[in-house]
Amino acid sequence: MLEKGLLGSPAIAASGNLDWFSRSELWRTHRSVIRGRPKKFKYREPLILCGHGAYVRVDHGSLLIRNGFTHYPQTRDEFRLFPGDANLPDRIVMLDISGAISFDALSWLSDQKITLVQLDWRGEVSFVGNSSGYCAKREIAEAQLAFRRNSRALVFSRTLVEQKISNSILTLKNVFPKTENRELAISRLHNWISKIRKSNKSLSTSALLGFEGGAAAAYFRGWHGVPLNWTGLKKKPIPDNWLEIGPRNMAWRKGGENARHPINAMLNYGYGMLISQLRAQVIATGLDPSIGITHGNSKNRLPLVYDLMEPLRPVVDCGVLSFALSHTFSPGDFTINRVGACRINPQLAKIVAKQTSDFPVSGVVNDFLKLLR
């Protein structure tokens, strides 16, 4: 909600930036800095930056961070981090950002064991930097290769798929009201779990992936037709299919990697946050992210990350969907580019990233490490 009287301000109206100001309805309610005072971090939470003209540099031994600009009018957010502070963020996540970072700042982040993550506007991970140096331990990598050729790999994959389906059921129950469509989806997911459990030990990887695909189709059908809350549609129209949650499908025309629905665009950011966090955990433990279990092709450089993230995808869904269904969006929160892709405005992307910034990734990584011993 906008503060009373601000929208009708003569200065803003005269400036010709009324439209930009209107787009900031959601943004203004999620300010992360108290004016006049530095932000106080909760222990080891991520710091999320976005916008244009941001920079990160070392100043008198501390790390000086100035956030980017995302809308008008706006006061630039500034953060100062001191070495050794127990409240340092565990990650600095840069969303669809432009600006500069110094080499001294990169060294400072490495010394403080702070991971630097960059996501592009699609929510895809562009860069991850941390103190581990991407150096897998030789003995662990060899154990991964041996495990991949062992029958235990398929057993572990079955466990991951079963956990994913179970978490999908929890997401449907926790996010959506009880309807015939939701109950049908939950029933079908229980059936897929039963099929996996009843299958014999000779179940092939391709058959398991077929089970996973069937369960995913049933899960996403449980989302269909749930309405989203919008305001300001008389001033700016949106596509009809944005009025409700549609299918989770991005394979269309050219550029199949682009989302064309707000929910899919937000989910991409959530998955990007999950990938970055899991990738850092995998590398920090000495695992080789390029040695997967079931995932793996010439285009996928991190097959192990994509294997281990599967049970956590419904956790991302739960965070994004809960946020989306509890908020009212305006058309200015999203834009459509020339190829028809849906793009989230930077401040909204920042909020979505905060909703999906912490996952229990250590559990699934440690479970995998135990199997390698």
Protein backbone atom coordinates (compact mmCIF):
# COMPACT_ATOMS: atom_id res chain seq x y z
CA MET A 1 0.00 0.00 0.00
CA LEU A 2 1.14 3.55 -0.71
CA GLU A 3 1.43 5.99 2.15
CA LYS A 4 -1.56 8.33 2.24
CA GLY A 5 -1.14 11.48 0.20
CA LEU A 6 2.12 10.49 -1.51
CA LEU A 7 0.56 9.40 -4.78
CA GLY A 8 -1.20 12.72 -5.14
CA SER A 9 1.89 14.79 -4.44
CA PRO A 10 2.04 17.77 -6.86
CA ALA A 11 5.82 17.44 -7.11
CA ILE A 12 5.61 13.85 -8.25
CA ALA A 13 2.75 14.51 -10.64
CA ALA A 14 4.61 17.46 -12.15
CA SER A 15 7.77 15.43 -12.57
CA GLY A 16 6.09 13.09 -15.04
CA ASN A 17 7.11 10.06 -13.01
CA LEU A 18 3.69 9.16 -11.67
CA ASP A 19 3.75 5.83 -13.49
CA TRP A 20 7.12 4.88 -12.03
CA PHE A 21 5.93 5.89 -8.58
CA SER A 22 2.80 3.75 -8.96
CA ARG A 23 4.93 0.74 -9.82
CA SER A 24 6.59 1.02 -6.42
CA GLU A 25 3.47 0.19 -4.40
CA LEU A 26 4.77 -3.20 -3.30
CA TRP A 27 8.37 -2.06 -3.15
CA ARG A 28 7.86 0.68 -0.57
CA THR A 29 6.39 -1.72 2.00
CA HIS A 30 9.52 -3.88 1.98
CA ARG A 31 12.27 -1.33 2.65
CA SER A 32 15.23 -3.09 4.19
CA VAL A 33 16.94 -0.06 5.72
CA ILE A 34 15.78 2.28 8.48
CA ARG A 35 16.53 5.79 7.26
CA GLY A 36 19.46 7.36 9.06
CA ARG A 37 20.67 4.13 10.66
CA PRO A 38 22.73 1.23 9.25
CA LYS A 39 20.96 -2.06 8.66
CA LYS A 40 21.41 -4.62 11.43
CA PHE A 41 21.75 -8.14 10.06
CA LYS A 42 20.37 -11.20 11.68
CA TYR A 43 23.00 -13.85 12.07
CA ARG A 44 24.32 -15.20 8.77
CA GLU A 45 21.44 -14.12 6.57
CA PRO A 46 22.05 -13.15 2.93
CA LEU A 47 22.35 -9.55 1.81
CA ILE A 48 20.42 -9.05 -1.43
CA LEU A 49 21.32 -6.25 -3.84
CA CYS A 50 19.63 -5.14 -7.06
CA GLY A 51 19.32 -2.21 -9.43
CA HIS A 52 21.60 0.00 -11.52
CA GLY A 53 24.81 1.71 -10.44
CA ALA A 54 25.62 -0.46 -7.43
CA TYR A 55 29.18 -0.81 -6.22
CA VAL A 56 31.16 -2.79 -3.65
CA ARG A 57 34.61 -1.70 -2.44
CA VAL A 58 36.88 -1.76 0.60
CA ASP A 59 36.91 1.46 2.61
CA HIS A 60 39.20 1.81 5.65
CA GLY A 61 39.29 -1.96 6.16
CA SER A 62 35.52 -2.39 6.01
CA LEU A 63 33.37 -3.35 3.05
CA LEU A 64 31.31 -0.44 1.73
CA ILE A 65 28.27 -1.46 -0.31
CA ARG A 66 25.93 0.90 -2.12
CA ASN A 67 22.80 -0.66 -3.58
CA GLY A 68 21.56 0.17 -7.06
CA PHE A 69 18.64 2.34 -8.12
CA THR A 70 15.44 0.56 -9.14
CA HIS A 71 12.78 3.29 -9.27
CA TYR A 72 12.16 7.00 -8.83
CA PRO A 73 12.16 8.63 -6.34
CA GLN A 74 14.56 6.55 -4.27
CA THR A 75 17.19 7.01 -1.57
CA ARG A 76 20.22 4.82 -2.18
CA ASP A 77 20.70 2.10 0.46
CA GLU A 78 24.19 1.88 1.95
CA PHE A 79 25.74 -0.92 4.01
CA ARG A 80 29.08 -1.14 5.80
CA LEU A 81 30.40 -4.55 6.87
CA PHE A 82 33.27 -4.95 9.32
CA PRO A 83 35.64 -7.95 9.36
CA GLY A 84 35.00 -10.55 12.02
CA ASP A 85 31.50 -9.31 12.84
CA ALA A 86 29.33 -12.23 13.96
CA ASN A 87 26.40 -10.72 12.07
CA LEU A 88 28.05 -10.73 8.66
CA PRO A 89 25.80 -12.13 5.91
CA ASP A 90 26.67 -15.61 4.71
CA ARG A 91 26.02 -14.57 1.10
CA ILE A 92 25.76 -11.43 -0.98
CA VAL A 93 23.26 -12.06 -3.76
CA MET A 94 23.15 -9.67 -6.73
CA LEU A 95 19.91 -9.73 -8.72
CA ASP A 96 19.76 -8.33 -12.24
CA ILE A 97 22.34 -5.73 -11.23
CA SER A 98 24.76 -3.33 -12.90
CA GLY A 99 27.72 -1.57 -11.33
CA ALA A 100 31.20 -2.45 -10.14
CA ILE A 101 33.10 -4.46 -7.52
CA SER A 102 36.80 -4.04 -6.76
CA PHE A 103 39.43 -6.77 -6.59
CA ASP A 104 40.08 -5.77 -2.97
CA ALA A 105 36.40 -6.39 -2.24
CA LEU A 106 36.64 -9.91 -3.71
CA SER A 107 39.61 -10.66 -1.46
CA TRP A 108 37.74 -9.22 1.54
CA LEU A 109 34.75 -11.47 0.86
CA SER A 110 37.01 -14.50 0.53
CA ASP A 111 38.75 -13.73 3.85
CA GLN A 112 35.37 -13.45 5.61
CA LYS A 113 34.05 -16.62 3.91
CA ILE A 114 31.16 -14.75 2.32
CA THR A 115 29.86 -16.27 -0.91
CA LEU A 116 29.15 -13.89 -3.80
CA VAL A 117 26.24 -14.92 -6.07
CA GLN A 118 25.00 -13.19 -9.22
CA LEU A 119 21.63 -14.01 -10.80
CA ASP A 120 20.47 -12.59 -14.13
CA TRP A 121 16.97 -11.34 -14.86
CA ARG A 122 15.80 -14.87 -15.68
CA GLY A 123 16.85 -16.04 -12.21
CA GLU A 124 19.69 -18.11 -13.65
CA VAL A 125 23.00 -18.28 -11.79
CA SER A 126 25.62 -16.23 -13.66
CA PHE A 127 28.41 -16.42 -11.11
CA VAL A 128 29.22 -17.96 -7.73
CA GLY A 129 32.42 -17.07 -5.92
CA ASN A 130 33.54 -18.32 -2.53
CA SER A 131 36.65 -19.17 -0.55
CA SER A 132 36.53 -22.85 -1.50
CA GLY A 133 38.04 -22.11 -4.89
CA TYR A 134 35.94 -24.76 -6.68
CA CYS A 135 38.47 -27.40 -5.64
CA ALA A 136 36.98 -30.86 -5.23
CA LYS A 137 38.85 -33.38 -3.10
CA ARG A 138 40.34 -36.10 -5.27
CA GLU A 139 39.28 -39.01 -3.04
CA ILE A 140 35.69 -37.74 -2.88
CA ALA A 141 35.51 -37.23 -6.65
CA GLU A 142 36.78 -40.80 -7.16
CA ALA A 143 34.15 -42.07 -4.73
CA GLN A 144 31.50 -40.18 -6.72
CA LEU A 145 32.55 -41.88 -9.95
CA ALA A 146 32.48 -45.30 -8.28
CA PHE A 147 29.09 -44.57 -6.72
CA ARG A 148 27.65 -43.52 -10.08
CA ARG A 149 28.50 -46.94 -11.52
CA ASN A 150 27.06 -48.74 -8.48
CA SER A 151 23.48 -49.94 -8.03
CA ARG A 152 23.25 -47.77 -4.92
CA ALA A 153 23.06 -44.72 -7.19
CA LEU A 154 19.66 -45.76 -8.48
CA VAL A 155 18.44 -46.49 -4.94
CA PHE A 156 19.50 -43.01 -3.86
CA SER A 157 17.81 -41.49 -6.92
CA ARG A 158 14.59 -43.29 -5.98
CA THR A 159 14.85 -41.78 -2.50
CA LEU A 160 15.29 -38.28 -3.95
CA VAL A 161 12.28 -38.67 -6.24
CA GLU A 162 10.13 -40.03 -3.42
CA GLN A 163 11.12 -37.11 -1.17
CA LYS A 164 10.31 -34.69 -3.96
CA ILE A 165 6.82 -36.12 -4.39
CA SER A 166 6.20 -36.13 -0.63
CA ASN A 167 7.27 -32.48 -0.41
CA SER A 168 5.00 -31.70 -3.37
CA ILE A 169 2.05 -33.09 -1.41
CA LEU A 170 2.98 -30.90 1.56
CA THR A 171 3.16 -27.81 -0.66
CA LEU A 172 -0.29 -28.47 -2.09
CA LYS A 173 -1.72 -28.92 1.41
CA ASN A 174 0.01 -25.87 2.89
CA VAL A 175 -0.55 -23.39 0.06
CA PHE A 176 -3.86 -24.10 -1.64
CA PRO A 177 -7.35 -24.29 -0.14
CA LYS A 178 -9.07 -27.65 -0.14
CA THR A 179 -10.71 -28.08 -3.54
CA GLU A 180 -11.56 -30.98 -5.80
CA ASN A 181 -8.62 -30.12 -8.05
CA ARG A 182 -6.15 -30.07 -5.13
CA GLU A 183 -7.43 -33.35 -3.68
CA LEU A 184 -7.24 -35.04 -7.07
CA ALA A 185 -3.63 -33.91 -7.47
CA ILE A 186 -2.72 -35.17 -3.99
CA SER A 187 -4.37 -38.53 -4.69
CA ARG A 188 -2.41 -38.94 -7.92
CA LEU A 189 0.84 -38.07 -6.16
CA HIS A 190 0.19 -40.74 -3.52
CA ASN A 191 -0.37 -43.20 -6.35
CA TRP A 192 3.00 -42.32 -7.89
CA ILE A 193 4.73 -42.87 -4.55
CA SER A 194 3.05 -46.29 -4.32
CA LYS A 195 4.26 -47.19 -7.83
CA ILE A 196 7.84 -46.29 -6.92
CA ARG A 197 7.73 -48.30 -3.69
CA LYS A 198 6.15 -51.31 -5.38
CA SER A 199 8.59 -51.32 -8.29
CA ASN A 200 11.24 -54.01 -8.13
CA LYS A 201 14.92 -53.37 -7.65
CA SER A 202 15.54 -53.67 -11.38
CA LEU A 203 13.76 -50.37 -12.02
CA SER A 204 15.77 -48.50 -14.63
CA THR A 205 16.81 -44.86 -14.49
CA SER A 206 14.64 -44.01 -17.51
CA ALA A 207 11.61 -45.64 -15.87
CA LEU A 208 12.25 -43.71 -12.66
CA LEU A 209 12.46 -40.44 -14.60
CA GLY A 210 9.15 -41.37 -16.24
CA PHE A 211 7.58 -41.79 -12.79
CA GLU A 212 9.01 -38.42 -11.76
CA GLY A 213 7.62 -36.74 -14.87
CA GLY A 214 4.16 -38.19 -14.31
CA ALA A 215 4.17 -37.03 -10.70
CA ALA A 216 5.31 -33.53 -11.73
CA ALA A 217 2.46 -33.26 -14.25
CA ALA A 218 -0.08 -34.23 -11.57
CA TYR A 219 1.49 -31.78 -9.10
CA PHE A 220 1.39 -28.79 -11.43
CA ARG A 221 -2.19 -29.55 -12.48
CA GLY A 222 -3.10 -28.97 -8.84
CA TRP A 223 -2.07 -25.32 -9.31
CA HIS A 224 -4.22 -24.61 -12.33
CA GLY A 225 -6.98 -22.05 -12.13
CA VAL A 226 -6.05 -20.54 -8.74
CA PRO A 227 -6.69 -16.75 -9.09
CA LEU A 228 -4.06 -14.09 -8.39
CA ASN A 229 -4.85 -10.69 -6.87
CA TRP A 230 -4.30 -7.65 -9.12
CA THR A 231 -4.90 -3.92 -8.93
CA GLY A 232 -4.57 -1.10 -11.45
CA LEU A 233 -5.66 -3.17 -14.45
CA LYS A 234 -7.74 -0.30 -15.86
CA LYS A 235 -4.61 1.81 -16.24
CA LYS A 236 -2.45 -0.91 -17.73
CA PRO A 237 -3.71 -4.21 -19.16
CA ILE A 238 -2.09 -7.61 -18.63
CA PRO A 239 -2.46 -10.89 -20.55
CA ASP A 240 -5.59 -12.83 -19.56
CA ASN A 241 -3.54 -15.85 -18.51
CA TRP A 242 -1.85 -13.74 -15.81
CA LEU A 243 -5.10 -13.51 -13.86
CA GLU A 244 -4.62 -17.03 -12.50
CA ILE A 245 -1.89 -19.61 -12.05
CA GLY A 246 -1.35 -21.59 -15.22
CA PRO A 247 0.84 -24.53 -16.25
CA ARG A 248 4.51 -24.63 -15.31
CA ASN A 249 5.69 -24.87 -18.91
CA MET A 250 8.29 -22.68 -20.60
CA ALA A 251 8.87 -24.61 -23.83
CA TRP A 252 7.31 -22.23 -26.36
CA ARG A 253 8.38 -20.78 -29.68
CA LYS A 254 11.90 -19.36 -29.45
CA GLY A 255 13.84 -18.91 -26.26
CA GLY A 256 12.26 -21.73 -24.26
CA GLU A 257 14.33 -20.69 -21.24
CA ASN A 258 12.16 -17.60 -20.74
CA ALA A 259 9.17 -17.55 -18.39
CA ARG A 260 6.02 -15.97 -19.77
CA HIS A 261 3.93 -15.92 -16.59
CA PRO A 262 4.61 -14.01 -13.32
CA ILE A 263 4.55 -17.18 -11.21
CA ASN A 264 7.06 -18.92 -13.46
CA ALA A 265 9.29 -15.83 -13.46
CA MET A 266 9.26 -15.72 -9.65
CA LEU A 267 9.91 -19.46 -9.42
CA ASN A 268 12.97 -19.05 -11.65
CA TYR A 269 14.44 -16.64 -9.11
CA GLY A 270 13.63 -19.03 -6.28
CA TYR A 271 15.29 -21.94 -8.10
CA GLY A 272 18.27 -19.72 -8.85
CA MET A 273 18.67 -18.98 -5.13
CA LEU A 274 18.44 -22.70 -4.35
CA ILE A 275 21.02 -23.61 -6.99
CA SER A 276 23.47 -20.99 -5.75
CA GLN A 277 23.17 -22.11 -2.12
CA LEU A 278 23.40 -25.82 -2.94
CA ARG A 279 26.29 -25.25 -5.34
CA ALA A 280 28.29 -23.46 -2.63
CA GLN A 281 27.57 -26.25 -0.12
CA VAL A 282 28.56 -28.97 -2.60
CA ILE A 283 31.86 -27.28 -3.41
CA ALA A 284 32.63 -26.46 0.23
CA THR A 285 32.37 -30.15 1.20
CA GLY A 286 34.83 -31.24 -1.50
CA LEU A 287 32.28 -32.80 -3.87
CA ASP A 288 32.68 -32.39 -7.62
CA PRO A 289 29.47 -30.73 -8.92
CA SER A 290 30.20 -31.95 -12.46
CA ILE A 291 29.76 -35.63 -11.48
CA GLY A 292 26.03 -36.27 -11.33
CA ILE A 293 23.85 -39.26 -10.53
CA THR A 294 20.91 -39.14 -12.95
CA HIS A 295 21.24 -35.65 -14.44
CA GLY A 296 23.96 -34.98 -16.92
CA ASN A 297 24.36 -33.68 -20.46
CA SER A 298 26.66 -31.42 -22.43
CA LYS A 299 24.69 -28.29 -21.47
CA ASN A 300 24.47 -29.05 -17.75
CA ARG A 301 27.76 -28.23 -16.01
CA LEU A 302 26.39 -28.91 -12.51
CA PRO A 303 24.54 -32.24 -12.74
CA LEU A 304 25.09 -33.12 -9.06
CA VAL A 305 23.53 -29.82 -7.97
CA TYR A 306 20.46 -30.52 -10.11
CA ASP A 307 20.24 -34.05 -8.69
CA LEU A 308 20.36 -32.93 -5.07
CA MET A 309 18.02 -29.97 -5.53
CA GLU A 310 15.04 -32.06 -6.69
CA PRO A 311 13.53 -32.74 -3.21
CA LEU A 312 13.84 -29.03 -2.40
CA ARG A 313 12.05 -27.70 -5.48
CA PRO A 314 8.62 -28.00 -3.78
CA VAL A 315 10.06 -26.03 -0.84
CA VAL A 316 10.84 -23.18 -3.27
CA ASP A 317 7.35 -23.53 -4.72
CA CYS A 318 5.82 -23.24 -1.25
CA GLY A 319 7.64 -19.99 -0.51
CA VAL A 320 6.87 -18.36 -3.86
CA LEU A 321 3.24 -19.47 -4.03
CA SER A 322 2.52 -18.46 -0.43
CA PHE A 323 3.92 -15.01 -1.16
CA ALA A 324 2.07 -14.68 -4.47
CA LEU A 325 -1.32 -15.69 -3.08
CA SER A 326 -1.06 -13.37 -0.07
CA HIS A 327 -0.17 -10.22 -2.04
CA THR A 328 -1.85 -7.96 -4.57
CA PHE A 329 0.24 -7.24 -7.65
CA SER A 330 0.14 -4.29 -10.01
CA PRO A 331 0.93 -4.49 -13.75
CA GLY A 332 4.07 -2.43 -13.14
CA ASP A 333 5.57 -5.23 -11.07
CA PHE A 334 6.25 -7.13 -14.30
CA THR A 335 7.22 -6.26 -17.84
CA ILE A 336 7.04 -8.20 -21.11
CA ASN A 337 10.07 -7.94 -23.38
CA ARG A 338 10.13 -8.16 -27.17
CA VAL A 339 10.25 -11.96 -27.25
CA GLY A 340 7.27 -12.23 -24.89
CA ALA A 341 9.24 -13.14 -21.77
CA CYS A 342 7.90 -12.02 -18.40
CA ARG A 343 10.46 -10.01 -16.44
CA ILE A 344 10.20 -9.09 -12.74
CA ASN A 345 11.01 -5.55 -11.70
CA PRO A 346 14.18 -5.50 -9.55
CA GLN A 347 12.70 -4.66 -6.15
CA LEU A 348 10.05 -7.36 -6.46
CA ALA A 349 12.78 -9.81 -7.47
CA LYS A 350 14.62 -8.83 -4.29
CA ILE A 351 11.54 -9.60 -2.18
CA VAL A 352 11.06 -12.96 -3.91
CA ALA A 353 14.71 -13.81 -3.31
CA LYS A 354 14.32 -13.05 0.40
CA GLN A 355 11.30 -15.36 0.53
CA THR A 356 13.47 -18.16 -0.87
CA SER A 357 16.90 -17.43 0.62
CA ASP A 358 17.36 -20.23 3.12
CA PHE A 359 17.04 -23.95 2.41
CA PRO A 360 18.09 -27.09 4.33
CA VAL A 361 20.73 -27.91 1.74
CA SER A 362 23.26 -29.30 4.22
CA GLY A 363 20.98 -32.26 5.00
CA VAL A 364 20.75 -33.60 1.46
CA VAL A 365 24.49 -32.98 0.85
CA ASN A 366 25.51 -34.76 4.06
CA ASP A 367 23.22 -37.70 3.24
CA PHE A 368 24.99 -38.09 -0.08
CA LEU A 369 28.43 -37.85 1.52
CA LYS A 370 27.54 -40.66 3.94
CA LEU A 371 26.71 -42.92 1.03
CA LEU A 372 30.13 -42.33 -0.53
CA ARG A 373 31.98 -43.66 2.54
